[in-house]
N, C-alpha and C. Protein backbone atom coordinates (compact mmCIF):
# COMPACT_ATOMS: atom_id res chain seq x y z
N MET A 1 16.48 40.11 20.32
CA MET A 1 15.69 38.71 19.98
C MET A 1 16.09 37.66 21.42
N SER A 2 14.41 37.35 21.57
CA SER A 2 14.62 36.61 22.83
C SER A 2 15.35 35.62 22.64
N THR A 3 16.04 34.76 24.11
CA THR A 3 16.77 33.51 24.31
C THR A 3 15.77 32.48 23.41
N ALA A 4 14.86 32.26 23.85
CA ALA A 4 13.54 31.16 23.46
C ALA A 4 13.63 31.41 21.74
N ARG A 5 13.33 32.39 21.40
CA ARG A 5 13.97 32.52 19.87
C ARG A 5 14.80 32.13 19.57
N ARG A 6 15.61 32.51 19.70
CA ARG A 6 16.71 32.40 19.40
C ARG A 6 17.32 30.98 19.54
N ASN A 7 17.11 29.98 20.23
CA ASN A 7 16.89 28.87 20.39
C ASN A 7 16.62 27.87 19.68
N ARG A 8 14.72 28.48 19.27
CA ARG A 8 13.97 27.92 18.27
C ARG A 8 14.52 27.70 16.96
N ARG A 9 15.37 28.97 16.77
CA ARG A 9 15.92 29.12 15.34
C ARG A 9 17.05 28.28 15.55
N ALA A 10 18.13 28.29 16.31
CA ALA A 10 19.07 27.13 16.63
C ALA A 10 18.56 25.71 16.11
N MET A 11 17.70 25.32 16.71
CA MET A 11 17.08 24.01 16.89
C MET A 11 16.62 23.63 15.43
N ALA A 12 16.18 24.77 14.83
CA ALA A 12 15.44 24.52 13.27
C ALA A 12 16.87 24.45 12.38
N ARG A 13 17.60 25.21 12.66
CA ARG A 13 18.63 24.95 11.71
C ARG A 13 19.22 23.57 11.75
N GLN A 14 19.62 23.22 12.87
CA GLN A 14 20.01 21.79 13.43
C GLN A 14 19.40 20.85 12.68
N SER A 15 17.97 20.86 12.98
CA SER A 15 16.98 19.83 12.02
C SER A 15 16.81 19.81 10.81
N GLN A 16 17.52 21.06 10.06
CA GLN A 16 17.42 21.02 8.72
C GLN A 16 18.69 20.43 8.24
N LYS A 17 19.62 20.34 9.26
CA LYS A 17 20.98 19.75 8.60
C LYS A 17 20.64 18.30 8.77
N HIS A 18 19.99 17.43 9.96
CA HIS A 18 19.69 16.06 9.83
C HIS A 18 18.94 15.78 8.76
N PHE A 19 17.80 16.34 8.39
CA PHE A 19 16.86 16.22 7.49
C PHE A 19 17.76 15.98 5.91
N LYS A 20 18.78 16.85 5.53
CA LYS A 20 19.55 16.92 4.59
C LYS A 20 20.24 15.57 4.47
N ILE A 21 20.74 15.17 5.53
CA ILE A 21 21.86 13.83 5.51
C ILE A 21 20.41 12.48 4.93
N LEU A 22 19.42 12.76 5.95
CA LEU A 22 18.44 11.38 5.68
C LEU A 22 17.84 11.78 3.97
N ALA A 23 17.68 12.79 3.58
CA ALA A 23 17.21 13.00 2.03
C ALA A 23 18.34 12.36 1.47
N GLU A 24 19.53 12.76 1.37
CA GLU A 24 20.63 12.13 0.70
C GLU A 24 20.86 10.56 0.75
N LEU A 25 20.63 10.13 1.78
CA LEU A 25 20.45 8.66 1.99
C LEU A 25 19.41 7.97 1.20
N LEU A 26 18.46 8.72 1.30
CA LEU A 26 17.26 8.41 0.87
C LEU A 26 17.03 8.46 -0.68
N MET A 27 17.54 9.42 -1.20
CA MET A 27 17.89 10.03 -2.81
C MET A 27 18.79 8.58 -3.71
N GLY A 28 19.68 8.40 -2.76
CA GLY A 28 20.75 7.52 -2.96
C GLY A 28 19.94 6.16 -3.03
N PHE A 29 19.56 5.66 -2.20
CA PHE A 29 18.52 4.50 -2.15
C PHE A 29 17.54 4.16 -3.28
N TYR A 30 17.06 5.40 -3.92
CA TYR A 30 16.01 5.46 -4.95
C TYR A 30 16.48 5.53 -6.28
N GLU A 31 17.99 5.96 -6.21
CA GLU A 31 18.80 6.13 -7.44
C GLU A 31 18.98 4.69 -7.88
N PHE A 32 19.52 4.23 -6.72
CA PHE A 32 20.20 2.75 -6.86
C PHE A 32 18.62 1.71 -7.48
N LEU A 33 17.74 1.97 -7.00
CA LEU A 33 16.49 1.71 -7.12
C LEU A 33 16.32 1.61 -8.51
N GLU A 34 16.32 2.57 -9.35
CA GLU A 34 15.84 2.93 -10.55
C GLU A 34 17.16 2.74 -11.55
N LYS A 35 17.94 2.36 -11.29
CA LYS A 35 19.70 1.78 -12.08
C LYS A 35 19.04 1.37 -13.20
N LYS A 36 19.59 1.52 -14.33
CA LYS A 36 19.30 0.65 -15.88
C LYS A 36 19.07 -0.65 -15.85
N ASP A 37 20.25 -1.17 -15.22
CA ASP A 37 19.92 -2.57 -15.02
C ASP A 37 19.22 -3.05 -13.48
N LYS A 38 18.27 -3.67 -13.71
CA LYS A 38 17.63 -3.24 -12.11
C LYS A 38 18.18 -4.52 -11.40
N PRO A 39 18.57 -3.96 -10.13
CA PRO A 39 18.90 -4.99 -9.00
C PRO A 39 18.10 -5.90 -8.58
N ASP A 40 18.74 -7.10 -8.46
CA ASP A 40 17.52 -8.07 -7.80
C ASP A 40 17.66 -7.90 -6.32
N ASP A 41 16.37 -8.83 -5.90
CA ASP A 41 16.20 -8.74 -4.44
C ASP A 41 17.31 -8.61 -3.29
N GLY A 42 18.22 -9.57 -3.56
CA GLY A 42 19.23 -9.47 -2.82
C GLY A 42 20.06 -8.10 -2.78
N GLN A 43 20.45 -7.76 -3.99
CA GLN A 43 21.00 -6.30 -3.91
C GLN A 43 20.45 -5.26 -3.32
N VAL A 44 19.17 -5.40 -3.69
CA VAL A 44 17.86 -4.13 -2.83
C VAL A 44 18.58 -4.41 -1.39
N ARG A 45 18.33 -5.92 -0.70
CA ARG A 45 18.04 -5.72 0.43
C ARG A 45 19.41 -5.50 1.05
N LYS A 46 20.54 -5.50 0.39
CA LYS A 46 21.81 -5.47 1.21
C LYS A 46 22.28 -3.64 1.36
N GLU A 47 21.54 -2.94 -0.05
CA GLU A 47 21.63 -1.75 -0.26
C GLU A 47 20.74 -1.19 0.99
N PHE A 48 19.76 -1.45 0.96
CA PHE A 48 18.75 -0.92 1.96
C PHE A 48 19.48 -1.01 3.83
N ILE A 49 19.80 -2.04 3.98
CA ILE A 49 20.53 -2.51 5.35
C ILE A 49 21.92 -1.43 5.64
N GLU A 50 22.44 -1.44 4.16
CA GLU A 50 23.64 -0.42 4.61
C GLU A 50 23.25 0.78 4.47
N ARG A 51 22.21 1.46 4.06
CA ARG A 51 22.09 2.84 3.90
C ARG A 51 21.24 3.26 5.29
N GLU A 52 20.28 2.30 6.16
CA GLU A 52 19.69 2.36 7.06
C GLU A 52 20.14 2.48 8.37
N GLU A 53 21.83 1.48 8.22
CA GLU A 53 22.58 1.40 9.16
C GLU A 53 23.37 2.96 8.99
N CYS A 54 23.65 3.17 8.20
CA CYS A 54 24.61 4.48 8.09
C CYS A 54 23.67 5.64 8.71
N TRP A 55 22.58 5.41 8.65
CA TRP A 55 21.43 6.39 9.07
C TRP A 55 21.14 6.42 10.55
N LYS A 56 21.00 5.25 11.20
CA LYS A 56 21.42 4.84 12.72
C LYS A 56 22.67 5.39 13.13
N ARG A 57 23.43 5.04 12.81
CA ARG A 57 24.72 5.44 13.33
C ARG A 57 24.58 7.01 13.20
N TYR A 58 24.45 7.73 11.97
CA TYR A 58 24.31 8.99 12.37
C TYR A 58 23.34 9.49 13.57
N CYS A 59 22.49 8.93 13.49
CA CYS A 59 21.63 9.13 14.43
C CYS A 59 22.15 8.70 16.09
N THR A 60 22.90 8.06 16.53
CA THR A 60 23.67 7.90 17.30
C THR A 60 24.82 8.85 17.74
N SER A 61 25.63 8.99 16.26
CA SER A 61 26.49 10.09 16.82
C SER A 61 26.27 11.58 16.60
N ASN A 62 25.01 11.91 16.49
CA ASN A 62 24.38 13.14 16.63
C ASN A 62 23.33 13.05 18.06
N GLN A 63 23.63 11.95 18.60
CA GLN A 63 22.14 11.57 19.76
C GLN A 63 21.03 12.20 19.55
N LEU A 64 20.43 11.85 18.26
CA LEU A 64 19.09 12.27 17.89
C LEU A 64 18.31 10.77 18.55
N THR A 65 17.33 10.94 18.62
CA THR A 65 15.88 10.09 19.18
C THR A 65 15.63 8.84 18.48
N GLU A 66 15.36 7.86 19.40
CA GLU A 66 14.99 6.12 18.78
C GLU A 66 14.33 6.73 17.91
N GLU A 67 13.33 7.53 17.72
CA GLU A 67 12.20 7.92 16.72
C GLU A 67 12.81 8.55 15.26
N ALA A 68 14.15 9.15 15.66
CA ALA A 68 14.63 9.39 14.56
C ALA A 68 15.59 8.96 13.37
N SER A 69 15.88 7.38 14.54
CA SER A 69 16.65 6.48 13.72
C SER A 69 15.48 5.54 13.00
N LEU A 70 14.26 5.72 13.23
CA LEU A 70 13.36 5.27 12.38
C LEU A 70 12.79 5.65 11.18
N LEU A 71 13.51 6.85 10.80
CA LEU A 71 13.13 7.57 9.93
C LEU A 71 13.06 7.34 8.51
N PHE A 72 14.14 6.46 8.22
CA PHE A 72 14.63 6.12 6.81
C PHE A 72 13.84 4.92 6.38
N ASN A 73 13.51 3.96 7.60
CA ASN A 73 12.53 2.94 7.46
C ASN A 73 11.31 3.29 6.99
N LYS A 74 11.07 4.05 7.61
CA LYS A 74 9.62 4.65 7.67
C LYS A 74 9.19 5.16 6.04
N GLU A 75 10.08 6.31 5.87
CA GLU A 75 10.24 6.63 4.50
C GLU A 75 10.58 5.65 3.26
N VAL A 76 11.28 4.64 3.46
CA VAL A 76 11.13 3.57 2.50
C VAL A 76 9.69 2.92 2.46
N ALA A 77 9.45 2.59 3.85
CA ALA A 77 8.23 1.90 3.53
C ALA A 77 6.87 2.80 2.77
N GLN A 78 7.14 3.64 3.21
CA GLN A 78 5.62 4.52 2.89
C GLN A 78 6.04 4.94 1.42
N SER A 79 7.24 5.28 0.91
CA SER A 79 7.63 5.30 -0.57
C SER A 79 6.66 4.19 -1.37
N TRP A 80 7.55 2.95 -0.90
CA TRP A 80 7.32 1.43 -1.64
C TRP A 80 5.91 1.43 -1.73
N LYS A 81 4.87 1.57 -0.64
CA LYS A 81 3.21 1.27 -0.30
C LYS A 81 2.83 2.37 -1.39
N ASN A 82 3.35 3.71 -1.25
CA ASN A 82 2.93 4.50 -2.50
C ASN A 82 2.95 4.05 -3.99
N ARG A 83 3.67 3.30 -4.25
CA ARG A 83 4.37 3.23 -5.68
C ARG A 83 3.59 2.00 -6.04
N TYR A 84 3.53 0.72 -5.25
CA TYR A 84 2.42 -0.50 -5.32
C TYR A 84 1.07 -0.09 -5.48
N ALA A 85 0.86 1.17 -4.71
CA ALA A 85 -0.40 1.64 -4.86
C ALA A 85 -0.89 1.76 -6.19
N LYS A 86 -0.13 2.65 -6.71
CA LYS A 86 -0.59 3.42 -8.00
C LYS A 86 -0.02 2.35 -8.91
N GLU A 87 1.04 1.41 -9.21
CA GLU A 87 0.99 0.29 -9.91
C GLU A 87 0.02 -0.82 -10.28
N PHE A 88 -0.69 -0.94 -8.87
CA PHE A 88 -1.40 -1.88 -8.73
C PHE A 88 -2.73 -1.34 -7.97
N PRO A 89 -3.45 -0.63 -8.84
CA PRO A 89 -4.51 0.07 -8.01
C PRO A 89 -5.90 -0.91 -7.15
N THR A 90 -6.44 -0.81 -6.28
CA THR A 90 -7.48 -1.50 -5.62
C THR A 90 -8.69 -0.91 -5.59
N GLY A 91 -9.60 -1.69 -6.29
CA GLY A 91 -11.14 -0.39 -6.17
C GLY A 91 -11.75 -0.72 -7.43
N ASN A 92 -12.98 -0.14 -7.87
CA ASN A 92 -13.92 -0.96 -8.30
C ASN A 92 -13.37 -0.40 -9.93
């Protein structure tokens, strides 16, 4: 196996590890939102900030890029947008 191929595979394995951590943080946040006793806006904001900071610390400690540190925020924003569009569709 060539060195380049070996390096690509190693990078792919490392990326999967990082995405797994991100997925765990996101799923925990989504589960928090879906609790039987719905959290109020302050609780949601606090939980979001805590999880986002956790992801940013992870990115810093693993020397990930600035773009990677923004993924948590982007994923939550996209999910929120998709959910909002389903609940309140605009159209004719």
